[in-house]
Amino acid sequence: MNPFILICGPCIIEDYDTAHHIATTVKALCEPHGIRYIFKASYKKANRTSKDSFMGIPAEEGLSIIQRVGRDVGVETLTDVHESADPPMVSQYVDHLQIPAFLCRQTELLFAAGNTNCGVNIKKGQFLSPEAMKFPLEKVQSTGNQNVWLCERGTTFGYNDLIVDATAIARMKELSVPVIMDCTHATQKPNRTVGTTGGDPRMIETIALSAVATGADGLFIEAHPEPGIAKSDSATMLQLDRLGPILEKVMRVRGAIQ
């Protein structure tokens, strides 16, 4: 059986020291369980709610930090891409590319990501059924790239909430690729009038345990030593020192269903 995957890191690169601390801590938590750890961080945020929100440090600097963290800590790396011109350049710095949920139908972006040597993690749009992820998957695979994962992250419920369908993991696994559960963004409270996205990170553990019980091949969790002062997604990120106990429970559940 393939090792369980954890994609984890801060929402966005702020500086090297914070990123290195997170990666080192998470790697140490994963190793006793044999978890395949992939460090994740955005090098820029192209989909912030407000024009005044932090979008990131200069792109090349952010990418260089992600690359350096991967080399220094000895872990795989992942970041998201937003436009079809991004993958050729970004793929020189990371091992895996991520397609944001809002962009999962962007044909040229999917083709460009597939044409790199990177793995591609496609997040399911909040507006799509699990079965409809067949089409983004086919676009990437048509390039010859078979190293593709699908990522569930909840479904729009009204204007200001998301729900997680307990059947979504099993339904996407019928497409015969690994399926990851984004436990962080599934807790979001979008479209608030204050111009920032809210969330409820207390529910990350609940979503993680449910996803593993229904067959998820891995989890996506954003974590930060001090979420309250993080420059992006401060309302949804898990406090880093709470990750260990969650992984302990997750791996017990996974062991019980195998």
C-alpha atoms as a PDB file:
ATOM      1  CA  MET A   1       0.000   0.000   0.000  1.00  0.00           C
ATOM      2  CA  ASN A   2       1.221   3.491  -0.813  1.00  0.00           C
ATOM      3  CA  PRO A   3       2.216   5.629   2.175  1.00  0.00           C
ATOM      4  CA  PHE A   4      -0.300   8.091   3.549  1.00  0.00           C
ATOM      5  CA  ILE A   5       0.319  11.664   2.335  1.00  0.00           C
ATOM      6  CA  LEU A   6       0.325  14.869   4.342  1.00  0.00           C
ATOM      7  CA  ILE A   7       0.499  18.164   2.437  1.00  0.00           C
ATOM      8  CA  CYS A   8       1.191  20.767   5.102  1.00  0.00           C
ATOM      9  CA  GLY A   9       2.698  24.211   5.519  1.00  0.00           C
ATOM     10  CA  PRO A  10       1.705  27.845   5.870  1.00  0.00           C
ATOM     11  CA  CYS A  11      -0.884  29.438   3.620  1.00  0.00           C
ATOM     12  CA  ILE A  12       1.743  31.720   2.089  1.00  0.00           C
ATOM     13  CA  ILE A  13       5.486  32.221   2.321  1.00  0.00           C
ATOM     14  CA  GLU A  14       6.241  35.010   4.767  1.00  0.00           C
ATOM     15  CA  ASP A  15       9.943  34.387   5.423  1.00  0.00           C
ATOM     16  CA  TYR A  16      12.477  31.547   5.455  1.00  0.00           C
ATOM     17  CA  ASP A  17      12.661  31.038   9.224  1.00  0.00           C
ATOM     18  CA  THR A  18       8.928  30.490   9.703  1.00  0.00           C
ATOM     19  CA  ALA A  19       8.711  28.157   6.718  1.00  0.00           C
ATOM     20  CA  HIS A  20      11.762  26.165   7.838  1.00  0.00           C
ATOM     21  CA  HIS A  21      10.402  25.823  11.374  1.00  0.00           C
ATOM     22  CA  ILE A  22       7.065  24.522  10.113  1.00  0.00           C
ATOM     23  CA  ALA A  23       8.642  22.058   7.688  1.00  0.00           C
ATOM     24  CA  THR A  24      11.098  20.724  10.266  1.00  0.00           C
ATOM     25  CA  THR A  25       8.365  20.294  12.872  1.00  0.00           C
ATOM     26  CA  VAL A  26       5.933  18.559  10.542  1.00  0.00           C
ATOM     27  CA  LYS A  27       8.579  16.242   9.111  1.00  0.00           C
ATOM     28  CA  ALA A  28       9.439  15.091  12.639  1.00  0.00           C
ATOM     29  CA  LEU A  29       5.756  14.395  13.342  1.00  0.00           C
ATOM     30  CA  CYS A  30       5.341  12.401  10.121  1.00  0.00           C
ATOM     31  CA  GLU A  31       8.424  10.204  10.259  1.00  0.00           C
ATOM     32  CA  PRO A  32       7.332   7.872  13.116  1.00  0.00           C
ATOM     33  CA  HIS A  33       4.124   7.092  11.200  1.00  0.00           C
ATOM     34  CA  GLY A  34       5.766   6.575   7.812  1.00  0.00           C
ATOM     35  CA  ILE A  35       3.752   9.473   6.395  1.00  0.00           C
ATOM     36  CA  ARG A  36       4.926  10.932   3.085  1.00  0.00           C
ATOM     37  CA  TYR A  37       5.297  14.616   3.909  1.00  0.00           C
ATOM     38  CA  ILE A  38       5.043  17.349   1.258  1.00  0.00           C
ATOM     39  CA  PHE A  39       5.739  20.936   2.328  1.00  0.00           C
ATOM     40  CA  LYS A  40       3.141  23.325   0.934  1.00  0.00           C
ATOM     41  CA  ALA A  41       3.191  27.097   0.715  1.00  0.00           C
ATOM     42  CA  SER A  42       1.817  29.583  -1.772  1.00  0.00           C
ATOM     43  CA  TYR A  43       4.430  31.905  -3.241  1.00  0.00           C
ATOM     44  CA  LYS A  44       1.682  34.384  -4.078  1.00  0.00           C
ATOM     45  CA  LYS A  45      -2.072  34.647  -3.556  1.00  0.00           C
ATOM     46  CA  ALA A  46      -3.942  35.639  -6.675  1.00  0.00           C
ATOM     47  CA  ASN A  47      -7.459  35.198  -5.292  1.00  0.00           C
ATOM     48  CA  ARG A  48      -7.636  37.348  -2.165  1.00  0.00           C
ATOM     49  CA  THR A  49     -11.030  38.812  -1.290  1.00  0.00           C
ATOM     50  CA  SER A  50      -9.907  42.401  -0.818  1.00  0.00           C
ATOM     51  CA  LYS A  51      -7.507  44.479  -2.877  1.00  0.00           C
ATOM     52  CA  ASP A  52      -5.800  45.393   0.396  1.00  0.00           C
ATOM     53  CA  SER A  53      -5.034  41.786   1.426  1.00  0.00           C
ATOM     54  CA  PHE A  54      -1.451  40.522   1.520  1.00  0.00           C
ATOM     55  CA  MET A  55      -0.613  38.816  -1.787  1.00  0.00           C
ATOM     56  CA  GLY A  56       2.926  37.740  -0.991  1.00  0.00           C
ATOM     57  CA  ILE A  57       6.557  38.740  -1.104  1.00  0.00           C
ATOM     58  CA  PRO A  58       8.219  39.062  -4.557  1.00  0.00           C
ATOM     59  CA  ALA A  59       7.536  35.890  -6.540  1.00  0.00           C
ATOM     60  CA  GLU A  60      11.117  34.792  -7.168  1.00  0.00           C
ATOM     61  CA  GLU A  61      12.004  35.333  -3.519  1.00  0.00           C
ATOM     62  CA  GLY A  62       9.006  33.286  -2.369  1.00  0.00           C
ATOM     63  CA  LEU A  63       9.749  30.439  -4.757  1.00  0.00           C
ATOM     64  CA  SER A  64      13.410  30.433  -3.763  1.00  0.00           C
ATOM     65  CA  ILE A  65      12.431  30.087  -0.106  1.00  0.00           C
ATOM     66  CA  ILE A  66      10.175  27.107  -0.890  1.00  0.00           C
ATOM     67  CA  GLN A  67      12.981  25.492  -2.883  1.00  0.00           C
ATOM     68  CA  ARG A  68      15.509  26.131  -0.115  1.00  0.00           C
ATOM     69  CA  VAL A  69      13.221  24.714   2.565  1.00  0.00           C
ATOM     70  CA  GLY A  70      12.739  21.571   0.504  1.00  0.00           C
ATOM     71  CA  ARG A  71      16.490  21.109   0.119  1.00  0.00           C
ATOM     72  CA  ASP A  72      17.442  22.021   3.689  1.00  0.00           C
ATOM     73  CA  VAL A  73      14.767  19.881   5.363  1.00  0.00           C
ATOM     74  CA  GLY A  74      14.807  17.093   2.784  1.00  0.00           C
ATOM     75  CA  VAL A  75      11.136  17.102   1.829  1.00  0.00           C
ATOM     76  CA  GLU A  76       9.038  17.366  -1.322  1.00  0.00           C
ATOM     77  CA  THR A  77       7.478  20.745  -2.057  1.00  0.00           C
ATOM     78  CA  LEU A  78       4.224  22.037  -3.537  1.00  0.00           C
ATOM     79  CA  THR A  79       2.842  25.430  -4.491  1.00  0.00           C
ATOM     80  CA  ASP A  80      -0.158  26.659  -6.446  1.00  0.00           C
ATOM     81  CA  VAL A  81      -0.266  28.186  -9.922  1.00  0.00           C
ATOM     82  CA  HIS A  82      -2.880  30.560 -11.263  1.00  0.00           C
ATOM     83  CA  GLU A  83      -2.206  31.331 -14.921  1.00  0.00           C
ATOM     84  CA  SER A  84      -1.095  29.204 -17.865  1.00  0.00           C
ATOM     85  CA  ALA A  85       2.221  31.071 -17.996  1.00  0.00           C
ATOM     86  CA  ASP A  86       3.092  30.046 -14.421  1.00  0.00           C
ATOM     87  CA  PRO A  87       3.828  26.269 -14.541  1.00  0.00           C
ATOM     88  CA  PRO A  88       6.969  26.331 -16.756  1.00  0.00           C
ATOM     89  CA  MET A  89       8.650  28.812 -14.434  1.00  0.00           C
ATOM     90  CA  VAL A  90       7.275  27.575 -11.087  1.00  0.00           C
ATOM     91  CA  SER A  91       8.100  23.945 -11.859  1.00  0.00           C
ATOM     92  CA  GLN A  92      11.809  24.833 -11.724  1.00  0.00           C
ATOM     93  CA  TYR A  93      11.456  25.438  -7.963  1.00  0.00           C
ATOM     94  CA  VAL A  94       9.045  22.764  -6.676  1.00  0.00           C
ATOM     95  CA  ASP A  95       8.173  19.082  -7.014  1.00  0.00           C
ATOM     96  CA  HIS A  96       4.399  19.464  -7.307  1.00  0.00           C
ATOM     97  CA  LEU A  97       1.955  22.053  -8.653  1.00  0.00           C
ATOM     98  CA  GLN A  98      -1.496  22.724  -7.268  1.00  0.00           C
ATOM     99  CA  ILE A  99      -4.521  23.924  -9.216  1.00  0.00           C
ATOM    100  CA  PRO A 100      -6.762  26.098  -7.008  1.00  0.00           C
ATOM    101  CA  ALA A 101     -10.398  25.093  -6.715  1.00  0.00           C
ATOM    102  CA  PHE A 102     -11.699  28.202  -8.468  1.00  0.00           C
ATOM    103  CA  LEU A 103      -9.443  27.420 -11.447  1.00  0.00           C
ATOM    104  CA  CYS A 104      -9.995  23.682 -11.820  1.00  0.00           C
ATOM    105  CA  ARG A 105     -11.770  24.108 -15.180  1.00  0.00           C
ATOM    106  CA  GLN A 106      -9.125  26.368 -16.737  1.00  0.00           C
ATOM    107  CA  THR A 107      -8.069  24.236 -19.689  1.00  0.00           C
ATOM    108  CA  GLU A 108      -4.845  26.012 -20.643  1.00  0.00           C
ATOM    109  CA  LEU A 109      -3.698  26.092 -17.009  1.00  0.00           C
ATOM    110  CA  LEU A 110      -4.320  22.347 -16.639  1.00  0.00           C
ATOM    111  CA  PHE A 111      -2.481  21.586 -19.876  1.00  0.00           C
ATOM    112  CA  ALA A 112       0.465  23.764 -18.822  1.00  0.00           C
ATOM    113  CA  ALA A 113       0.691  22.062 -15.420  1.00  0.00           C
ATOM    114  CA  GLY A 114       0.503  18.638 -17.020  1.00  0.00           C
ATOM    115  CA  ASN A 115       3.302  19.473 -19.412  1.00  0.00           C
ATOM    116  CA  THR A 116       5.793  19.929 -16.570  1.00  0.00           C
ATOM    117  CA  ASN A 117       7.618  17.110 -14.814  1.00  0.00           C
ATOM    118  CA  CYS A 118       5.720  17.896 -11.625  1.00  0.00           C
ATOM    119  CA  GLY A 119       2.956  16.067  -9.861  1.00  0.00           C
ATOM    120  CA  VAL A 120      -0.347  17.939 -10.111  1.00  0.00           C
ATOM    121  CA  ASN A 121      -2.838  18.294  -7.256  1.00  0.00           C
ATOM    122  CA  ILE A 122      -6.214  19.479  -8.609  1.00  0.00           C
ATOM    123  CA  LYS A 123      -8.583  20.914  -6.036  1.00  0.00           C
ATOM    124  CA  LYS A 124     -12.257  20.226  -6.663  1.00  0.00           C
ATOM    125  CA  GLY A 125     -14.229  23.385  -7.297  1.00  0.00           C
ATOM    126  CA  GLN A 126     -16.759  24.243  -4.599  1.00  0.00           C
ATOM    127  CA  PHE A 127     -19.296  24.240  -7.426  1.00  0.00           C
ATOM    128  CA  LEU A 128     -18.556  20.770  -8.881  1.00  0.00           C
ATOM    129  CA  SER A 129     -19.741  17.263  -8.120  1.00  0.00           C
ATOM    130  CA  PRO A 130     -17.110  14.605  -7.376  1.00  0.00           C
ATOM    131  CA  GLU A 131     -17.888  12.935 -10.708  1.00  0.00           C
ATOM    132  CA  ALA A 132     -17.292  16.178 -12.646  1.00  0.00           C
ATOM    133  CA  MET A 133     -13.637  16.064 -11.604  1.00  0.00           C
ATOM    134  CA  LYS A 134     -13.232  13.501 -14.365  1.00  0.00           C
ATOM    135  CA  PHE A 135     -12.825  16.334 -16.854  1.00  0.00           C
ATOM    136  CA  PRO A 136     -10.016  18.346 -15.177  1.00  0.00           C
ATOM    137  CA  LEU A 137      -8.271  15.031 -14.562  1.00  0.00           C
ATOM    138  CA  GLU A 138      -8.525  14.062 -18.227  1.00  0.00           C
ATOM    139  CA  LYS A 139      -7.064  17.413 -19.299  1.00  0.00           C
ATOM    140  CA  VAL A 140      -3.909  16.880 -17.237  1.00  0.00           C
ATOM    141  CA  GLN A 141      -3.584  13.193 -18.134  1.00  0.00           C
ATOM    142  CA  SER A 142      -3.947  14.013 -21.836  1.00  0.00           C
ATOM    143  CA  THR A 143      -0.483  15.586 -21.658  1.00  0.00           C
ATOM    144  CA  GLY A 144       0.973  12.219 -20.681  1.00  0.00           C
ATOM    145  CA  ASN A 145       1.351  13.199 -17.024  1.00  0.00           C
ATOM    146  CA  GLN A 146      -0.180  10.459 -14.865  1.00  0.00           C
ATOM    147  CA  ASN A 147       1.116  11.819 -11.556  1.00  0.00           C
ATOM    148  CA  VAL A 148      -2.169  13.506 -10.644  1.00  0.00           C
ATOM    149  CA  TRP A 149      -4.166  13.743  -7.423  1.00  0.00           C
ATOM    150  CA  LEU A 150      -7.641  15.099  -6.788  1.00  0.00           C
ATOM    151  CA  CYS A 151      -8.375  17.154  -3.694  1.00  0.00           C
ATOM    152  CA  GLU A 152     -11.753  17.565  -2.004  1.00  0.00           C
ATOM    153  CA  ARG A 153     -12.341  20.886  -0.210  1.00  0.00           C
ATOM    154  CA  GLY A 154     -16.068  21.151   0.431  1.00  0.00           C
ATOM    155  CA  THR A 155     -19.058  22.399  -1.514  1.00  0.00           C
ATOM    156  CA  THR A 156     -20.687  25.822  -1.471  1.00  0.00           C
ATOM    157  CA  PHE A 157     -23.679  25.940   0.849  1.00  0.00           C
ATOM    158  CA  GLY A 158     -25.537  29.211   0.551  1.00  0.00           C
ATOM    159  CA  TYR A 159     -23.410  32.333   0.420  1.00  0.00           C
ATOM    160  CA  ASN A 160     -21.274  32.057   3.529  1.00  0.00           C
ATOM    161  CA  ASP A 161     -20.553  28.417   4.247  1.00  0.00           C
ATOM    162  CA  LEU A 162     -19.214  25.126   2.905  1.00  0.00           C
ATOM    163  CA  ILE A 163     -20.281  21.572   3.602  1.00  0.00           C
ATOM    164  CA  VAL A 164     -18.265  18.374   3.251  1.00  0.00           C
ATOM    165  CA  ASP A 165     -20.079  15.468   1.624  1.00  0.00           C
ATOM    166  CA  ALA A 166     -19.042  12.240   3.359  1.00  0.00           C
ATOM    167  CA  THR A 167     -19.433  10.367   0.064  1.00  0.00           C
ATOM    168  CA  ALA A 168     -17.150  12.664  -1.974  1.00  0.00           C
ATOM    169  CA  ILE A 169     -13.892  10.835  -1.257  1.00  0.00           C
ATOM    170  CA  ALA A 170     -15.261   7.445  -2.272  1.00  0.00           C
ATOM    171  CA  ARG A 171     -16.876   8.874  -5.402  1.00  0.00           C
ATOM    172  CA  MET A 172     -13.691  10.582  -6.573  1.00  0.00           C
ATOM    173  CA  LYS A 173     -11.617   7.486  -5.862  1.00  0.00           C
ATOM    174  CA  GLU A 174     -13.656   5.767  -8.591  1.00  0.00           C
ATOM    175  CA  LEU A 175     -11.608   7.904 -11.012  1.00  0.00           C
ATOM    176  CA  SER A 176      -8.593   5.715 -10.073  1.00  0.00           C
ATOM    177  CA  VAL A 177      -6.243   8.408  -8.775  1.00  0.00           C
ATOM    178  CA  PRO A 178      -5.242   9.328  -5.206  1.00  0.00           C
ATOM    179  CA  VAL A 179      -7.680  11.603  -3.391  1.00  0.00           C
ATOM    180  CA  ILE A 180      -6.580  14.152  -0.796  1.00  0.00           C
ATOM    181  CA  MET A 181      -8.854  15.901   1.717  1.00  0.00           C
ATOM    182  CA  ASP A 182      -8.238  19.619   2.253  1.00  0.00           C
ATOM    183  CA  CYS A 183      -9.195  19.820   5.919  1.00  0.00           C
ATOM    184  CA  THR A 184      -8.327  23.507   6.198  1.00  0.00           C
ATOM    185  CA  HIS A 185     -10.255  25.195   3.417  1.00  0.00           C
ATOM    186  CA  ALA A 186     -13.264  22.956   3.985  1.00  0.00           C
ATOM    187  CA  THR A 187     -13.745  24.861   7.265  1.00  0.00           C
ATOM    188  CA  GLN A 188     -13.851  28.270   5.566  1.00  0.00           C
ATOM    189  CA  LYS A 189     -16.614  30.828   5.978  1.00  0.00           C
ATOM    190  CA  PRO A 190     -16.342  32.724   2.670  1.00  0.00           C
ATOM    191  CA  ASN A 191     -17.853  35.958   1.387  1.00  0.00           C
ATOM    192  CA  ARG A 192     -17.847  37.883   4.635  1.00  0.00           C
ATOM    193  CA  THR A 193     -18.518  41.604   4.288  1.00  0.00           C
ATOM    194  CA  VAL A 194     -15.342  42.500   6.199  1.00  0.00           C
ATOM    195  CA  GLY A 195     -13.246  41.513   3.156  1.00  0.00           C
ATOM    196  CA  THR A 196     -11.510  38.480   4.665  1.00  0.00           C
ATOM    197  CA  THR A 197     -12.492  34.826   4.728  1.00  0.00           C
ATOM    198  CA  GLY A 198     -13.457  33.355   8.083  1.00  0.00           C
ATOM    199  CA  GLY A 199     -13.211  29.786   9.262  1.00  0.00           C
ATOM    200  CA  ASP A 200     -13.434  27.291  12.112  1.00  0.00           C
ATOM    201  CA  PRO A 201     -10.153  25.374  12.536  1.00  0.00           C
ATOM    202  CA  ARG A 202     -11.671  23.432  15.439  1.00  0.00           C
ATOM    203  CA  MET A 203     -13.327  21.299  12.762  1.00  0.00           C
ATOM    204  CA  ILE A 204     -10.065  20.316  11.036  1.00  0.00           C
ATOM    205  CA  GLU A 205      -9.691  17.208  13.193  1.00  0.00           C
ATOM    206  CA  THR A 206     -13.298  16.141  12.589  1.00  0.00           C
ATOM    207  CA  ILE A 207     -12.934  16.484   8.824  1.00  0.00           C
ATOM    208  CA  ALA A 208      -9.577  14.690   8.856  1.00  0.00           C
ATOM    209  CA  LEU A 209     -10.907  11.679  10.766  1.00  0.00           C
ATOM    210  CA  SER A 210     -13.989  11.438   8.576  1.00  0.00           C
ATOM    211  CA  ALA A 211     -11.914  11.633   5.392  1.00  0.00           C
ATOM    212  CA  VAL A 212      -9.521   8.899   6.485  1.00  0.00           C
ATOM    213  CA  ALA A 213     -12.414   6.678   7.527  1.00  0.00           C
ATOM    214  CA  THR A 214     -13.905   7.016   4.034  1.00  0.00           C
ATOM    215  CA  GLY A 215     -10.668   6.143   2.250  1.00  0.00           C
ATOM    216  CA  ALA A 216      -8.716   9.374   1.702  1.00  0.00           C
ATOM    217  CA  ASP A 217      -5.150   8.783   0.523  1.00  0.00           C
ATOM    218  CA  GLY A 218      -3.874  11.869   2.284  1.00  0.00           C
ATOM    219  CA  LEU A 219      -4.676  15.152   3.974  1.00  0.00           C
ATOM    220  CA  PHE A 220      -4.001  18.813   3.209  1.00  0.00           C
ATOM    221  CA  ILE A 221      -3.644  20.914   6.356  1.00  0.00           C
ATOM    222  CA  GLU A 222      -2.303  24.447   6.585  1.00  0.00           C
ATOM    223  CA  ALA A 223      -0.500  25.110   9.866  1.00  0.00           C
ATOM    224  CA  HIS A 224       1.319  28.002  11.484  1.00  0.00           C
ATOM    225  CA  PRO A 225       3.039  28.513  14.864  1.00  0.00           C
ATOM    226  CA  GLU A 226       0.885  31.599  15.494  1.00  0.00           C
ATOM    227  CA  PRO A 227      -2.135  31.637  13.157  1.00  0.00           C
ATOM    228  CA  GLY A 228      -3.436  34.850  14.675  1.00  0.00           C
ATOM    229  CA  ILE A 229      -0.566  36.859  13.226  1.00  0.00           C
ATOM    230  CA  ALA A 230      -0.287  35.003   9.913  1.00  0.00           C
ATOM    231  CA  LYS A 231      -0.604  37.212   6.845  1.00  0.00           C
ATOM    232  CA  SER A 232      -3.082  34.940   5.031  1.00  0.00           C
ATOM    233  CA  ASP A 233      -5.873  32.592   6.153  1.00  0.00           C
ATOM    234  CA  SER A 234      -5.251  33.355   9.816  1.00  0.00           C
ATOM    235  CA  ALA A 235      -8.836  32.322  10.633  1.00  0.00           C
ATOM    236  CA  THR A 236      -8.528  28.824   9.171  1.00  0.00           C
ATOM    237  CA  MET A 237      -4.971  27.602   9.764  1.00  0.00           C
ATOM    238  CA  LEU A 238      -4.278  25.013  12.427  1.00  0.00           C
ATOM    239  CA  GLN A 239      -1.991  25.977  15.271  1.00  0.00           C
ATOM    240  CA  LEU A 240       1.151  23.956  14.628  1.00  0.00           C
ATOM    241  CA  ASP A 241       1.380  22.362  18.074  1.00  0.00           C
ATOM    242  CA  ARG A 242      -2.074  20.808  17.593  1.00  0.00           C
ATOM    243  CA  LEU A 243      -1.064  18.805  14.535  1.00  0.00           C
ATOM    244  CA  GLY A 244       0.685  15.932  16.311  1.00  0.00           C
ATOM    245  CA  PRO A 245      -2.347  14.631  18.249  1.00  0.00           C
ATOM    246  CA  ILE A 246      -4.463  14.817  15.087  1.00  0.00           C
ATOM    247  CA  LEU A 247      -1.960  12.706  13.145  1.00  0.00           C
ATOM    248  CA  GLU A 248      -1.898  10.148  15.970  1.00  0.00           C
ATOM    249  CA  LYS A 249      -5.684   9.710  15.724  1.00  0.00           C
ATOM    250  CA  VAL A 250      -5.677   9.759  11.926  1.00  0.00           C
ATOM    251  CA  MET A 251      -3.161   6.938  11.697  1.00  0.00           C
ATOM    252  CA  ARG A 252      -5.034   4.859  14.267  1.00  0.00           C
ATOM    253  CA  VAL A 253      -8.204   5.194  12.210  1.00  0.00           C
ATOM    254  CA  ARG A 254      -6.344   4.356   9.021  1.00  0.00           C
ATOM    255  CA  GLY A 255      -4.864   1.282  10.658  1.00  0.00           C
ATOM    256  CA  ALA A 256      -8.272   0.160  11.839  1.00  0.00           C
ATOM    257  CA  ILE A 257      -9.857   0.235   8.355  1.00  0.00           C
ATOM    258  CA  GLN A 258      -7.043  -1.467   6.460  1.00  0.00           C
END
